[in-house]
Structure formats: structure tokens, C-alpha cells
N, C-alpha and C. Protein backbone atom coordinates (compact mmCIF):
# COMPACT_ATOMS: atom_id res chain seq x y z
N MET A 1 -161.41 5.58 -56.03
CA MET A 1 -162.85 6.62 -56.17
C MET A 1 -163.16 7.16 -57.55
N GLY A 2 -162.65 8.00 -58.00
CA GLY A 2 -163.35 8.35 -59.47
C GLY A 2 -163.22 7.58 -60.68
N CYS A 3 -162.89 8.51 -61.75
CA CYS A 3 -161.47 7.89 -62.95
C CYS A 3 -160.79 9.34 -63.48
N PHE A 4 -160.48 10.31 -62.67
CA PHE A 4 -159.49 11.80 -62.49
C PHE A 4 -158.71 11.64 -61.78
N LYS A 5 -157.12 12.74 -61.59
CA LYS A 5 -156.98 12.88 -60.76
C LYS A 5 -156.00 13.74 -61.31
N SER A 6 -155.84 15.36 -59.83
CA SER A 6 -154.93 15.92 -60.94
C SER A 6 -154.43 16.07 -59.48
N LYS A 7 -153.40 17.80 -59.41
CA LYS A 7 -153.25 17.79 -58.59
C LYS A 7 -153.71 18.76 -57.98
N PRO A 8 -153.83 19.20 -56.36
CA PRO A 8 -155.07 20.43 -56.27
C PRO A 8 -155.24 22.00 -56.88
N ALA A 9 -156.02 22.26 -57.13
CA ALA A 9 -155.83 24.16 -58.19
C ALA A 9 -155.53 25.46 -56.68
N LYS A 10 -154.79 25.96 -56.62
CA LYS A 10 -154.51 27.20 -56.31
C LYS A 10 -155.42 27.49 -55.43
N SER A 11 -155.85 28.26 -54.37
CA SER A 11 -157.38 28.74 -53.84
C SER A 11 -157.05 29.57 -54.42
N ALA A 12 -159.10 30.74 -54.10
CA ALA A 12 -158.61 31.86 -54.72
C ALA A 12 -158.78 33.50 -53.45
N LYS A 13 -157.49 33.81 -53.70
CA LYS A 13 -157.68 34.56 -52.32
C LYS A 13 -158.63 35.70 -51.67
N GLY A 14 -158.13 35.67 -50.27
CA GLY A 14 -159.75 35.98 -49.49
C GLY A 14 -160.75 35.33 -49.47
N GLU A 15 -160.35 33.85 -50.06
CA GLU A 15 -161.43 33.12 -50.31
C GLU A 15 -161.66 32.32 -48.42
N THR A 16 -163.18 32.10 -48.50
CA THR A 16 -162.50 31.53 -46.69
C THR A 16 -162.28 30.37 -46.94
N SER A 17 -161.93 29.25 -45.74
CA SER A 17 -161.81 27.84 -45.88
C SER A 17 -162.54 26.86 -46.97
N ILE A 18 -161.98 26.09 -47.71
CA ILE A 18 -163.04 25.37 -47.87
C ILE A 18 -164.61 24.28 -47.06
N LYS A 19 -164.17 24.16 -45.97
CA LYS A 19 -165.08 23.98 -44.73
C LYS A 19 -166.05 24.71 -44.74
N ASP A 20 -165.89 25.87 -44.76
CA ASP A 20 -166.86 27.45 -44.94
C ASP A 20 -167.42 27.72 -45.76
N PHE A 21 -166.60 27.26 -46.40
CA PHE A 21 -167.09 27.90 -48.05
C PHE A 21 -168.42 25.90 -48.34
N ARG A 22 -168.04 24.90 -48.14
CA ARG A 22 -169.28 24.61 -48.26
C ARG A 22 -170.22 24.15 -46.93
N ASN A 23 -170.57 24.94 -45.98
CA ASN A 23 -171.49 25.15 -45.03
C ASN A 23 -171.69 26.48 -45.81
N GLN A 24 -171.55 27.34 -46.28
CA GLN A 24 -172.46 28.12 -47.23
C GLN A 24 -172.71 28.11 -47.44
N THR A 25 -172.71 26.76 -48.54
CA THR A 25 -173.03 26.40 -50.04
C THR A 25 -174.19 25.44 -49.13
N LEU A 26 -174.26 25.10 -48.91
CA LEU A 26 -175.35 23.65 -47.95
C LEU A 26 -176.47 24.18 -47.08
N LYS A 27 -175.91 25.45 -46.30
CA LYS A 27 -177.00 26.42 -45.72
C LYS A 27 -177.84 27.25 -46.81
N ALA A 28 -177.02 27.57 -47.37
CA ALA A 28 -178.11 28.39 -49.09
C ALA A 28 -178.96 27.09 -49.81
N HIS A 29 -178.24 26.39 -50.46
CA HIS A 29 -179.27 24.86 -50.49
C HIS A 29 -180.57 24.47 -49.23
N ASN A 30 -180.19 24.73 -48.60
CA ASN A 30 -181.27 24.67 -47.46
C ASN A 30 -182.29 25.30 -47.33
N GLU A 31 -181.65 26.96 -47.23
CA GLU A 31 -182.81 27.51 -47.48
C GLU A 31 -183.96 27.58 -48.95
N ARG A 32 -183.37 27.43 -49.53
CA ARG A 32 -183.78 27.18 -50.29
C ARG A 32 -184.81 25.98 -50.99
N ARG A 33 -184.25 24.38 -50.54
CA ARG A 33 -184.83 23.86 -50.94
C ARG A 33 -186.31 23.45 -49.30
N LYS A 34 -186.36 24.39 -48.54
CA LYS A 34 -187.42 24.77 -47.54
C LYS A 34 -188.66 24.70 -47.90
N LYS A 35 -188.07 26.13 -49.09
CA LYS A 35 -189.04 27.30 -49.64
C LYS A 35 -189.77 26.14 -50.35
N HIS A 36 -189.34 25.31 -51.41
CA HIS A 36 -189.99 24.39 -52.49
C HIS A 36 -190.80 23.06 -51.32
N GLY A 37 -190.09 22.87 -49.51
CA GLY A 37 -191.60 21.85 -48.80
C GLY A 37 -190.22 20.94 -48.89
N VAL A 38 -188.96 20.69 -49.48
CA VAL A 38 -188.47 18.94 -49.45
C VAL A 38 -187.07 18.86 -48.26
N PRO A 39 -187.18 18.31 -48.30
CA PRO A 39 -185.74 18.10 -46.58
C PRO A 39 -184.83 18.33 -47.61
N ALA A 40 -183.69 19.09 -46.44
CA ALA A 40 -182.67 19.50 -46.49
C ALA A 40 -181.50 18.53 -46.22
N LEU A 41 -180.69 19.39 -47.01
CA LEU A 41 -179.55 18.21 -47.46
C LEU A 41 -178.24 17.86 -46.10
N LYS A 42 -176.84 16.97 -46.13
CA LYS A 42 -176.74 16.58 -45.35
C LYS A 42 -175.67 16.46 -46.08
N LEU A 43 -174.36 17.22 -45.83
CA LEU A 43 -173.08 17.05 -46.77
C LEU A 43 -171.94 16.20 -46.73
N SER A 44 -171.66 14.81 -47.55
CA SER A 44 -171.42 14.44 -47.48
C SER A 44 -169.39 14.64 -47.88
N SER A 45 -168.41 13.07 -46.79
CA SER A 45 -166.87 13.77 -47.40
C SER A 45 -167.08 12.82 -48.83
N ASP A 46 -167.38 11.43 -49.17
CA ASP A 46 -166.84 11.54 -50.19
C ASP A 46 -167.34 11.87 -51.21
N LEU A 47 -168.79 12.92 -51.16
CA LEU A 47 -169.23 13.85 -52.37
C LEU A 47 -168.44 15.16 -52.35
N ASN A 48 -167.92 15.14 -51.16
CA ASN A 48 -166.97 17.04 -51.29
C ASN A 48 -165.83 16.13 -51.83
N ASN A 49 -165.02 15.45 -51.74
CA ASN A 49 -164.10 14.55 -52.54
C ASN A 49 -163.27 14.61 -53.72
N TYR A 50 -164.99 14.10 -54.31
CA TYR A 50 -165.08 14.24 -55.49
C TYR A 50 -165.64 15.34 -56.55
N ALA A 51 -166.94 16.15 -55.59
CA ALA A 51 -166.33 17.48 -55.48
C ALA A 51 -165.10 17.72 -55.96
N GLN A 52 -164.57 17.83 -54.79
CA GLN A 52 -162.89 19.11 -55.14
C GLN A 52 -162.04 18.79 -56.25
N GLN A 53 -161.54 17.14 -55.61
CA GLN A 53 -160.97 16.43 -57.11
C GLN A 53 -161.35 16.68 -58.94
N TRP A 54 -162.69 16.68 -58.81
CA TRP A 54 -163.61 17.73 -60.68
C TRP A 54 -162.98 19.57 -60.62
N ALA A 55 -163.27 19.94 -59.42
CA ALA A 55 -162.82 21.11 -59.59
C ALA A 55 -162.02 21.06 -60.05
N ASP A 56 -160.86 21.23 -59.31
CA ASP A 56 -159.74 21.28 -59.46
C ASP A 56 -159.10 20.64 -60.89
N ASN A 57 -159.41 19.22 -61.78
CA ASN A 57 -159.42 18.68 -62.87
C ASN A 57 -159.80 20.14 -63.60
N LEU A 58 -160.55 20.51 -63.22
CA LEU A 58 -161.60 22.11 -64.21
C LEU A 58 -160.34 22.70 -64.33
N ALA A 59 -159.72 23.26 -62.57
CA ALA A 59 -158.91 24.74 -63.22
C ALA A 59 -157.77 24.53 -63.58
N LYS A 60 -157.22 22.68 -63.58
CA LYS A 60 -156.21 22.43 -64.36
C LYS A 60 -156.29 22.57 -66.03
N THR A 61 -157.16 22.03 -66.24
CA THR A 61 -157.19 21.43 -67.49
C THR A 61 -157.94 22.82 -68.61
N GLY A 62 -158.92 23.65 -67.46
CA GLY A 62 -159.61 24.69 -68.68
C GLY A 62 -159.98 24.23 -69.41
N ASN A 63 -161.14 23.42 -69.27
CA ASN A 63 -162.10 22.38 -69.97
C ASN A 63 -163.94 22.70 -68.35
N ILE A 64 -164.05 23.46 -68.90
CA ILE A 64 -165.35 23.62 -67.61
C ILE A 64 -166.66 22.31 -68.39
N LYS A 65 -166.60 21.60 -67.54
CA LYS A 65 -167.70 19.97 -68.19
C LYS A 65 -167.95 19.14 -67.58
N HIS A 66 -169.21 18.82 -67.18
CA HIS A 66 -169.79 17.75 -66.70
C HIS A 66 -168.63 16.57 -66.27
N SER A 67 -168.57 16.14 -65.00
CA SER A 67 -167.42 14.53 -64.93
C SER A 67 -168.57 13.85 -65.72
N ASP A 68 -168.78 12.51 -66.03
CA ASP A 68 -168.46 11.24 -66.68
C ASP A 68 -168.72 10.38 -65.74
N CYS A 69 -168.20 10.49 -64.40
CA CYS A 69 -168.53 8.80 -63.25
C CYS A 69 -169.27 8.91 -62.58
N THR A 70 -168.63 7.71 -61.99
CA THR A 70 -169.81 7.65 -61.58
C THR A 70 -169.34 7.65 -59.64
N LEU A 71 -169.66 7.50 -59.07
CA LEU A 71 -168.81 7.70 -57.06
C LEU A 71 -169.13 6.07 -57.06
N LYS A 72 -168.02 5.29 -56.44
CA LYS A 72 -169.32 3.77 -55.90
C LYS A 72 -169.83 2.57 -56.56
N GLY A 73 -169.94 2.79 -57.86
CA GLY A 73 -170.79 1.71 -58.59
C GLY A 73 -172.12 2.65 -58.77
N ALA A 74 -172.58 3.90 -58.30
CA ALA A 74 -173.62 4.66 -58.65
C ALA A 74 -173.18 6.45 -59.16
N LYS A 75 -174.39 6.61 -59.90
CA LYS A 75 -174.33 7.74 -60.70
C LYS A 75 -174.47 9.30 -59.71
N ILE A 76 -173.97 9.96 -59.65
CA ILE A 76 -174.57 11.22 -58.73
C ILE A 76 -174.97 12.21 -59.87
N GLY A 77 -174.83 13.21 -59.49
CA GLY A 77 -175.50 14.33 -59.83
C GLY A 77 -174.47 15.39 -60.19
N GLU A 78 -174.59 17.12 -60.37
CA GLU A 78 -173.25 17.84 -60.65
C GLU A 78 -173.78 18.81 -61.00
N ASN A 79 -173.39 19.80 -60.02
CA ASN A 79 -173.79 21.15 -60.87
C ASN A 79 -172.51 21.78 -61.02
N ILE A 80 -172.00 22.71 -62.25
CA ILE A 80 -170.72 23.40 -62.09
C ILE A 80 -170.79 24.84 -62.20
N ALA A 81 -170.59 25.68 -61.42
CA ALA A 81 -170.32 27.03 -61.58
C ALA A 81 -169.24 27.76 -61.91
N SER A 82 -168.58 28.80 -63.11
CA SER A 82 -167.59 29.41 -62.89
C SER A 82 -167.84 30.90 -62.40
N LYS A 83 -167.14 31.48 -62.76
CA LYS A 83 -166.85 33.04 -62.66
C LYS A 83 -165.41 33.88 -62.90
N TRP A 84 -165.67 34.64 -63.47
CA TRP A 84 -163.98 34.70 -63.90
C TRP A 84 -163.90 36.45 -62.96
N SER A 85 -162.82 36.76 -62.33
CA SER A 85 -162.63 38.20 -62.09
C SER A 85 -160.80 38.29 -61.61
N SER A 86 -160.92 39.70 -61.82
CA SER A 86 -159.41 40.04 -62.53
C SER A 86 -159.04 41.00 -61.35
N ASP A 87 -160.44 40.97 -60.36
CA ASP A 87 -159.22 41.52 -58.89
C ASP A 87 -159.45 40.85 -57.63
N GLY A 88 -159.59 39.24 -57.91
CA GLY A 88 -159.26 38.52 -56.89
C GLY A 88 -160.74 38.29 -55.72
N ALA A 89 -161.64 38.77 -56.37
CA ALA A 89 -163.11 38.80 -55.31
C ALA A 89 -163.12 37.38 -55.78
N VAL A 90 -164.86 37.12 -54.11
CA VAL A 90 -164.56 35.25 -53.31
C VAL A 90 -165.62 35.45 -54.59
N TYR A 91 -166.21 34.39 -54.49
CA TYR A 91 -167.25 33.48 -55.03
C TYR A 91 -167.86 32.89 -53.50
N THR A 92 -168.86 33.49 -53.04
CA THR A 92 -169.56 32.32 -51.82
C THR A 92 -170.62 31.55 -51.78
N GLY A 93 -170.33 30.60 -50.83
CA GLY A 93 -171.73 29.85 -51.20
C GLY A 93 -173.31 30.39 -51.24
N GLU A 94 -173.35 31.07 -51.77
CA GLU A 94 -174.61 31.63 -51.53
C GLU A 94 -174.75 32.24 -53.08
N GLU A 95 -173.58 32.96 -53.36
CA GLU A 95 -174.00 33.46 -54.41
C GLU A 95 -173.89 32.50 -55.67
N VAL A 96 -173.21 31.98 -55.35
CA VAL A 96 -173.06 30.43 -56.46
C VAL A 96 -174.02 29.71 -56.39
N THR A 97 -175.27 29.43 -55.43
CA THR A 97 -176.28 28.33 -55.07
C THR A 97 -177.41 29.85 -55.70
N GLU A 98 -177.59 30.54 -55.66
CA GLU A 98 -178.10 31.83 -56.10
C GLU A 98 -177.94 31.67 -57.29
N GLN A 99 -177.45 31.64 -58.18
CA GLN A 99 -176.95 31.86 -59.67
C GLN A 99 -178.17 30.29 -60.35
N TRP A 100 -177.26 29.23 -59.30
CA TRP A 100 -177.65 27.38 -60.03
C TRP A 100 -179.87 28.44 -59.80
N TYR A 101 -179.61 28.87 -58.56
CA TYR A 101 -181.18 28.78 -58.05
C TYR A 101 -182.30 29.59 -59.18
N ARG A 102 -181.47 31.19 -59.43
CA ARG A 102 -182.60 31.63 -60.42
C ARG A 102 -182.93 31.45 -61.81
N GLU A 103 -182.34 29.24 -62.30
CA GLU A 103 -183.14 29.11 -63.04
C GLU A 103 -184.30 28.94 -62.55
N ILE A 104 -184.79 29.32 -61.64
CA ILE A 104 -186.62 29.36 -61.36
C ILE A 104 -187.56 29.45 -62.25
N SER A 105 -187.27 30.86 -62.88
CA SER A 105 -187.95 31.10 -64.20
C SER A 105 -188.08 30.90 -64.99
N LYS A 106 -187.07 29.72 -65.58
CA LYS A 106 -187.47 29.09 -66.80
C LYS A 106 -187.93 27.92 -66.36
N HIS A 107 -188.83 27.00 -65.08
CA HIS A 107 -189.19 26.07 -64.77
C HIS A 107 -190.82 25.60 -64.86
N ASN A 108 -191.24 24.54 -65.65
CA ASN A 108 -192.89 24.24 -65.56
C ASN A 108 -192.75 22.99 -65.84
N TYR A 109 -193.60 23.65 -64.17
CA TYR A 109 -193.84 22.63 -62.96
C TYR A 109 -194.71 21.43 -63.77
N SER A 110 -195.33 21.25 -64.75
CA SER A 110 -195.80 20.70 -65.06
C SER A 110 -195.08 19.72 -66.23
N ALA A 111 -194.60 20.19 -66.49
CA ALA A 111 -193.43 19.05 -67.72
C ALA A 111 -192.49 17.82 -66.35
N GLU A 112 -192.29 17.37 -67.24
CA GLU A 112 -191.30 16.01 -66.55
C GLU A 112 -190.09 15.63 -67.80
N SER A 113 -189.99 17.27 -67.32
CA SER A 113 -187.87 16.95 -68.04
C SER A 113 -187.98 19.01 -68.33
N SER A 114 -186.60 19.66 -67.92
CA SER A 114 -185.86 20.40 -68.19
C SER A 114 -185.63 20.72 -68.39
N THR A 115 -186.14 22.38 -69.51
CA THR A 115 -184.87 22.73 -70.42
C THR A 115 -184.97 24.45 -69.93
N GLY A 116 -183.94 24.47 -69.44
CA GLY A 116 -182.92 25.54 -69.35
C GLY A 116 -182.88 26.31 -67.02
N SER A 117 -183.70 24.54 -66.65
CA SER A 117 -184.11 24.78 -65.30
C SER A 117 -183.08 24.00 -64.78
N GLY A 118 -181.57 23.25 -65.22
CA GLY A 118 -181.35 22.09 -64.45
C GLY A 118 -180.76 21.89 -63.17
N HIS A 119 -180.19 23.28 -63.47
CA HIS A 119 -179.60 23.67 -62.06
C HIS A 119 -180.77 23.91 -60.77
N PHE A 120 -181.67 24.70 -60.92
CA PHE A 120 -182.50 24.84 -59.76
C PHE A 120 -183.58 23.50 -59.94
N THR A 121 -183.43 22.98 -60.11
CA THR A 121 -184.49 21.41 -60.53
C THR A 121 -183.12 20.37 -59.47
N GLN A 122 -181.48 20.56 -60.04
CA GLN A 122 -181.44 19.75 -59.19
C GLN A 122 -180.58 20.54 -57.38
N VAL A 123 -181.09 21.29 -57.19
CA VAL A 123 -180.79 22.11 -56.09
C VAL A 123 -181.90 22.22 -55.30
N VAL A 124 -182.78 21.98 -56.03
CA VAL A 124 -184.12 21.37 -55.04
C VAL A 124 -185.26 20.26 -55.28
N TRP A 125 -184.00 19.09 -55.87
CA TRP A 125 -184.63 17.84 -55.82
C TRP A 125 -184.78 17.12 -55.03
N LYS A 126 -186.07 16.63 -54.97
CA LYS A 126 -186.38 16.36 -53.08
C LYS A 126 -186.11 14.60 -52.88
N GLU A 127 -186.09 13.27 -53.83
CA GLU A 127 -185.15 12.91 -53.82
C GLU A 127 -183.74 12.80 -53.48
N SER A 128 -183.15 14.00 -54.17
CA SER A 128 -181.81 14.83 -53.51
C SER A 128 -181.28 14.67 -51.52
N LYS A 129 -180.43 13.82 -51.73
CA LYS A 129 -180.05 13.41 -49.55
C LYS A 129 -178.56 14.23 -48.86
N GLN A 130 -178.08 14.11 -50.11
CA GLN A 130 -176.59 14.83 -49.39
C GLN A 130 -175.87 15.26 -51.33
N LEU A 131 -174.97 16.11 -50.29
CA LEU A 131 -173.57 17.62 -50.91
C LEU A 131 -172.82 17.68 -50.85
N GLY A 132 -171.72 17.42 -51.85
CA GLY A 132 -170.13 17.68 -51.59
C GLY A 132 -170.51 18.96 -52.69
N VAL A 133 -168.80 19.60 -52.27
CA VAL A 133 -168.67 20.37 -53.17
C VAL A 133 -167.09 20.87 -52.93
N GLY A 134 -167.20 21.60 -54.36
CA GLY A 134 -165.51 21.45 -54.07
C GLY A 134 -164.89 22.80 -54.90
N ARG A 135 -163.99 23.63 -55.05
CA ARG A 135 -164.08 25.07 -55.74
C ARG A 135 -162.71 24.57 -55.95
N ALA A 136 -161.36 25.30 -56.87
CA ALA A 136 -160.46 25.98 -56.81
C ALA A 136 -160.85 26.55 -57.95
N LYS A 137 -159.52 26.86 -58.47
CA LYS A 137 -159.07 28.96 -59.30
C LYS A 137 -157.94 28.46 -59.93
N ASP A 138 -158.57 28.73 -61.25
CA ASP A 138 -157.44 28.14 -62.24
C ASP A 138 -155.86 29.86 -62.52
N SER A 139 -155.26 29.15 -63.88
CA SER A 139 -154.76 30.21 -63.66
C SER A 139 -154.76 31.59 -64.30
N THR A 140 -156.35 31.83 -64.99
CA THR A 140 -156.48 33.04 -65.34
C THR A 140 -157.34 33.86 -64.54
N GLY A 141 -157.08 33.07 -63.33
CA GLY A 141 -158.38 33.74 -61.72
C GLY A 141 -159.61 33.26 -62.08
N LYS A 142 -159.96 32.89 -62.98
CA LYS A 142 -161.05 32.41 -63.08
C LYS A 142 -161.04 31.24 -61.82
N LEU A 143 -162.85 31.49 -60.90
CA LEU A 143 -163.08 30.36 -60.06
C LEU A 143 -164.15 29.46 -60.18
N ILE A 144 -163.79 27.81 -59.77
CA ILE A 144 -164.80 27.01 -60.80
C ILE A 144 -165.56 26.21 -59.55
N VAL A 145 -166.87 25.99 -59.06
CA VAL A 145 -167.27 25.54 -58.02
C VAL A 145 -167.88 24.68 -58.31
N VAL A 146 -168.29 23.13 -58.10
CA VAL A 146 -168.66 21.76 -58.31
C VAL A 146 -169.61 21.65 -56.83
N ALA A 147 -171.00 21.31 -57.38
CA ALA A 147 -171.63 20.40 -56.34
C ALA A 147 -172.13 19.25 -57.24
N SER A 148 -171.87 18.14 -56.02
CA SER A 148 -172.30 16.63 -56.50
C SER A 148 -173.36 16.60 -55.31
N TYR A 149 -174.16 15.39 -56.21
CA TYR A 149 -175.60 15.41 -54.86
C TYR A 149 -175.79 13.96 -55.79
N ARG A 150 -176.99 13.30 -54.90
CA ARG A 150 -176.27 11.68 -54.25
C ARG A 150 -178.00 11.43 -53.79
N PRO A 151 -178.75 11.19 -53.89
CA PRO A 151 -179.14 9.98 -55.84
C PRO A 151 -179.27 11.88 -55.93
N PRO A 152 -178.77 11.51 -57.33
CA PRO A 152 -178.68 12.76 -58.56
C PRO A 152 -180.58 12.83 -59.02
N GLY A 153 -180.98 14.45 -59.37
CA GLY A 153 -181.85 14.97 -59.72
C GLY A 153 -182.24 14.22 -61.19
N ASN A 154 -183.00 15.08 -61.99
CA ASN A 154 -183.02 16.07 -63.42
C ASN A 154 -183.13 14.84 -63.85
N VAL A 155 -184.11 12.92 -62.98
CA VAL A 155 -184.67 12.27 -64.11
C VAL A 155 -185.53 12.17 -65.11
N ILE A 156 -185.61 12.00 -65.98
CA ILE A 156 -186.49 11.97 -67.11
C ILE A 156 -187.92 11.90 -66.61
N GLY A 157 -189.05 12.08 -66.19
CA GLY A 157 -189.80 10.80 -65.89
C GLY A 157 -190.89 11.46 -64.02
N THR A 158 -189.84 11.76 -63.77
CA THR A 158 -189.80 12.52 -62.19
C THR A 158 -189.90 13.42 -61.53
N PHE A 159 -189.81 14.70 -62.71
CA PHE A 159 -189.91 15.83 -61.86
C PHE A 159 -190.91 16.57 -61.61
N THR A 160 -192.19 15.58 -61.61
CA THR A 160 -193.43 16.17 -61.10
C THR A 160 -193.60 15.49 -59.32
N LYS A 161 -192.43 14.97 -59.34
CA LYS A 161 -192.65 14.15 -57.89
C LYS A 161 -191.57 14.70 -57.32
N ASN A 162 -190.75 15.85 -57.66
CA ASN A 162 -189.29 15.99 -57.29
C ASN A 162 -188.98 17.30 -57.23
N VAL A 163 -189.79 18.04 -58.02
CA VAL A 163 -189.33 19.36 -57.99
C VAL A 163 -190.71 20.33 -57.20
N PHE A 164 -191.26 21.01 -57.35
CA PHE A 164 -192.42 21.43 -56.32
C PHE A 164 -192.55 23.13 -56.25
N PRO A 165 -193.98 24.14 -56.91
CA PRO A 165 -193.21 25.29 -57.02
C PRO A 165 -192.53 25.97 -55.40
N PRO A 166 -192.46 26.87 -54.58
CA PRO A 166 -192.00 27.82 -53.89
C PRO A 166 -193.56 27.63 -52.88
N LYS A 167 -193.19 27.46 -51.07
CA LYS A 167 -194.37 27.77 -50.54
C LYS A 167 -194.88 28.93 -50.28
């Protein structure tokens, strides 16, 4: 698999099943991708497993950072989001995707790199075809979501071929 192993973290109270959460996140991604004229993503079981293991690892260690691993010898893209809640509030697939997508306001469509819009550009990256989603809750109540993408986005020099303004 990858370069990390951890025990699964506890799910947040009131959260939908991981299957439903993944489907919500996929739907939210594809609604936004459609606005930009790029093909829909499909869920991938190995990317789901990878994203879940990384989310569990982040919840266990408390150190929110990107993985540096490859999956099956290939690089993957990754978005991470977290939200702390003292009242057990849930983090929906729509909410987390919108959080990433809001970076659209920082994106320059004529640039071949991204400054402050990397989560947005990964969500709508044309060449990305598959999505994996993981979700975990740490001991302080922080909700953590990891999305893995294949092929990865945010490749310097190819932004104008992969990220288009909304129609």
C-alpha cells in the first residue's frame, strides 16, 4: 500500500457513513468540475483506502501535513481540510469541497502555476480522473478530510491546459 500504517480513528458523532460521505464529496466535486467543462471524477477503492489511512494517521499524530507517498509507484494529488468542533458538528462532503473550491477567487487563469489556489485547481484539474476520500476525527474533536486524486493535478507548466474559467 503506502508508507504509513495506523489504527482507524473514531468517526465523528452524527456523521454519515463513510460511503455516503465519499459519494457526497464526489457529487460536489463533479458539480464544480461540470462548471469548468471538465470530465467527471470516479471513486477509486485504492485511493479511498489510501486517503482513509492518511486521514487516520493525521488524526492519530495530530500533525496535519501532506503525505509524501506514492501509490502503486505513481504520484497522486492530495487535498486536506480540517475543522474543529466543540459541539459535534459534522463536516459534509459538500462543505469540504466548497472550502477548497472557494480558492477560485485567488486563481489566475493565464498563469502556469498556482498561488493560493492549489486546492481549487486540484478539484477542477482536467487530467485527474479518479478520487479517493478519507475522513477521521482526532482526540480533540478536529475533523480531518483527505482527498486523493489520480492522476495528480497542479503540475507546473500545464495549468492553462487543465484549469478553465467557469462557463
